[in-house]
Amino acid sequence: MSVSRSKKVRKMVEKVLKKEVVVLSGDDWSGLYVDGKLVYENHSIPLHELAKAIGFKLVHVEGEEEAWAAYGYQCPRQLAEFKQPKKRK
């Protein structure tokens, strides 16, 4: 990683770590606040909304049954190890 890129990454991480993220819940309603400002509210707060609030991109991969079975229905230690079965035509 180049020095300038590592500086950019460090600045991005510092910015994220300075954010205060609060979930306010009561009865059947929740609000997601970043630095005191409401950014999302609903009956629940999806993980992708939380990730967006703190500046991360969340990618959801739905594993096929066959792939999960190959790993004993556990997550592999490294994401790169997870292989989806090829689609049959």
C-alpha atoms as a PDB file:
ATOM      1  CA  MET A   1       0.000   0.000   0.000  1.00  0.00           C
ATOM      2  CA  SER A   2       1.435   3.383  -0.942  1.00  0.00           C
ATOM      3  CA  VAL A   3       2.116   6.009   1.705  1.00  0.00           C
ATOM      4  CA  SER A   4      -0.530   8.399   0.325  1.00  0.00           C
ATOM      5  CA  ARG A   5      -3.118   5.617   0.196  1.00  0.00           C
ATOM      6  CA  SER A   6      -2.345   4.516   3.736  1.00  0.00           C
ATOM      7  CA  LYS A   7      -2.766   8.135   4.889  1.00  0.00           C
ATOM      8  CA  LYS A   8      -6.174   8.271   3.185  1.00  0.00           C
ATOM      9  CA  VAL A   9      -7.216   5.012   4.838  1.00  0.00           C
ATOM     10  CA  ARG A  10      -6.005   6.243   8.234  1.00  0.00           C
ATOM     11  CA  LYS A  11      -7.971   9.497   7.860  1.00  0.00           C
ATOM     12  CA  MET A  12     -11.116   7.570   6.859  1.00  0.00           C
ATOM     13  CA  VAL A  13     -10.786   5.256   9.880  1.00  0.00           C
ATOM     14  CA  GLU A  14     -10.209   8.205  12.219  1.00  0.00           C
ATOM     15  CA  LYS A  15     -13.320   9.925  10.842  1.00  0.00           C
ATOM     16  CA  VAL A  16     -15.448   6.804  11.402  1.00  0.00           C
ATOM     17  CA  LEU A  17     -14.093   6.252  14.907  1.00  0.00           C
ATOM     18  CA  LYS A  18     -14.999   9.807  15.905  1.00  0.00           C
ATOM     19  CA  LYS A  19     -18.672   9.302  15.087  1.00  0.00           C
ATOM     20  CA  GLU A  20     -21.079   8.618  17.904  1.00  0.00           C
ATOM     21  CA  VAL A  21     -23.759   6.140  16.818  1.00  0.00           C
ATOM     22  CA  VAL A  22     -26.770   5.691  19.109  1.00  0.00           C
ATOM     23  CA  VAL A  23     -29.809   3.454  18.728  1.00  0.00           C
ATOM     24  CA  LEU A  24     -32.798   4.765  20.677  1.00  0.00           C
ATOM     25  CA  SER A  25     -35.467   2.095  21.184  1.00  0.00           C
ATOM     26  CA  GLY A  26     -38.822   2.091  22.877  1.00  0.00           C
ATOM     27  CA  ASP A  27     -41.909  -0.038  22.581  1.00  0.00           C
ATOM     28  CA  ASP A  28     -42.019  -0.976  18.877  1.00  0.00           C
ATOM     29  CA  TRP A  29     -39.903   1.823  17.381  1.00  0.00           C
ATOM     30  CA  SER A  30     -36.191   2.548  16.992  1.00  0.00           C
ATOM     31  CA  GLY A  31     -34.175   5.515  15.828  1.00  0.00           C
ATOM     32  CA  LEU A  32     -30.591   5.565  14.590  1.00  0.00           C
ATOM     33  CA  TYR A  33     -28.636   8.710  15.449  1.00  0.00           C
ATOM     34  CA  VAL A  34     -25.210   9.724  14.179  1.00  0.00           C
ATOM     35  CA  ASP A  35     -23.601  12.527  16.128  1.00  0.00           C
ATOM     36  CA  GLY A  36     -26.982  13.407  17.633  1.00  0.00           C
ATOM     37  CA  LYS A  37     -28.894  13.587  14.342  1.00  0.00           C
ATOM     38  CA  LEU A  38     -31.632  11.124  13.403  1.00  0.00           C
ATOM     39  CA  VAL A  39     -30.608   9.294  10.222  1.00  0.00           C
ATOM     40  CA  TYR A  40     -33.081   6.380  10.200  1.00  0.00           C
ATOM     41  CA  GLU A  41     -36.164   5.229  12.099  1.00  0.00           C
ATOM     42  CA  ASN A  42     -38.490   2.253  11.824  1.00  0.00           C
ATOM     43  CA  HIS A  43     -39.678  -0.831  13.707  1.00  0.00           C
ATOM     44  CA  SER A  44     -36.144  -2.198  13.460  1.00  0.00           C
ATOM     45  CA  ILE A  45     -32.801  -0.989  12.137  1.00  0.00           C
ATOM     46  CA  PRO A  46     -31.367  -3.107   9.333  1.00  0.00           C
ATOM     47  CA  LEU A  47     -27.650  -3.828   9.432  1.00  0.00           C
ATOM     48  CA  HIS A  48     -27.116  -2.050   6.093  1.00  0.00           C
ATOM     49  CA  GLU A  49     -28.530   1.180   7.565  1.00  0.00           C
ATOM     50  CA  LEU A  50     -26.129   0.964  10.483  1.00  0.00           C
ATOM     51  CA  ALA A  51     -23.191   0.315   8.143  1.00  0.00           C
ATOM     52  CA  LYS A  52     -24.182   3.278   5.971  1.00  0.00           C
ATOM     53  CA  ALA A  53     -24.469   5.521   9.025  1.00  0.00           C
ATOM     54  CA  ILE A  54     -20.871   4.835  10.031  1.00  0.00           C
ATOM     55  CA  GLY A  55     -19.509   5.065   6.502  1.00  0.00           C
ATOM     56  CA  PHE A  56     -19.100   1.432   5.519  1.00  0.00           C
ATOM     57  CA  LYS A  57     -20.373  -0.381   2.456  1.00  0.00           C
ATOM     58  CA  LEU A  58     -22.159  -3.591   3.397  1.00  0.00           C
ATOM     59  CA  VAL A  59     -22.397  -6.411   0.890  1.00  0.00           C
ATOM     60  CA  HIS A  60     -24.801  -9.248   1.647  1.00  0.00           C
ATOM     61  CA  VAL A  61     -24.092 -12.610   0.046  1.00  0.00           C
ATOM     62  CA  GLU A  62     -26.794 -15.240   0.338  1.00  0.00           C
ATOM     63  CA  GLY A  63     -25.073 -18.621   0.416  1.00  0.00           C
ATOM     64  CA  GLU A  64     -26.654 -21.521  -1.419  1.00  0.00           C
ATOM     65  CA  GLU A  65     -27.599 -24.599   0.646  1.00  0.00           C
ATOM     66  CA  GLU A  66     -24.972 -26.680  -1.138  1.00  0.00           C
ATOM     67  CA  ALA A  67     -22.224 -24.192  -0.227  1.00  0.00           C
ATOM     68  CA  TRP A  68     -23.237 -24.103   3.443  1.00  0.00           C
ATOM     69  CA  ALA A  69     -23.279 -27.894   3.576  1.00  0.00           C
ATOM     70  CA  ALA A  70     -19.738 -28.013   2.188  1.00  0.00           C
ATOM     71  CA  TYR A  71     -18.572 -25.949   5.194  1.00  0.00           C
ATOM     72  CA  GLY A  72     -20.507 -27.922   7.784  1.00  0.00           C
ATOM     73  CA  TYR A  73     -23.079 -25.117   8.061  1.00  0.00           C
ATOM     74  CA  GLN A  74     -20.446 -22.775   9.491  1.00  0.00           C
ATOM     75  CA  CYS A  75     -18.768 -19.714   8.040  1.00  0.00           C
ATOM     76  CA  PRO A  76     -15.269 -20.252   6.671  1.00  0.00           C
ATOM     77  CA  ARG A  77     -12.448 -18.378   8.436  1.00  0.00           C
ATOM     78  CA  GLN A  78     -11.733 -16.298   5.309  1.00  0.00           C
ATOM     79  CA  LEU A  79     -14.443 -14.982   2.966  1.00  0.00           C
ATOM     80  CA  ALA A  80     -12.294 -15.857  -0.050  1.00  0.00           C
ATOM     81  CA  GLU A  81     -12.655 -19.542   0.907  1.00  0.00           C
ATOM     82  CA  PHE A  82     -16.439 -19.497   0.446  1.00  0.00           C
ATOM     83  CA  LYS A  83     -17.309 -20.891  -2.937  1.00  0.00           C
ATOM     84  CA  GLN A  84     -20.833 -20.880  -4.327  1.00  0.00           C
ATOM     85  CA  PRO A  85     -21.742 -23.883  -6.465  1.00  0.00           C
ATOM     86  CA  LYS A  86     -21.894 -23.198 -10.183  1.00  0.00           C
ATOM     87  CA  LYS A  87     -25.402 -22.659 -11.516  1.00  0.00           C
ATOM     88  CA  ARG A  88     -26.767 -25.570 -13.495  1.00  0.00           C
ATOM     89  CA  LYS A  89     -28.264 -24.747 -16.864  1.00  0.00           C
END
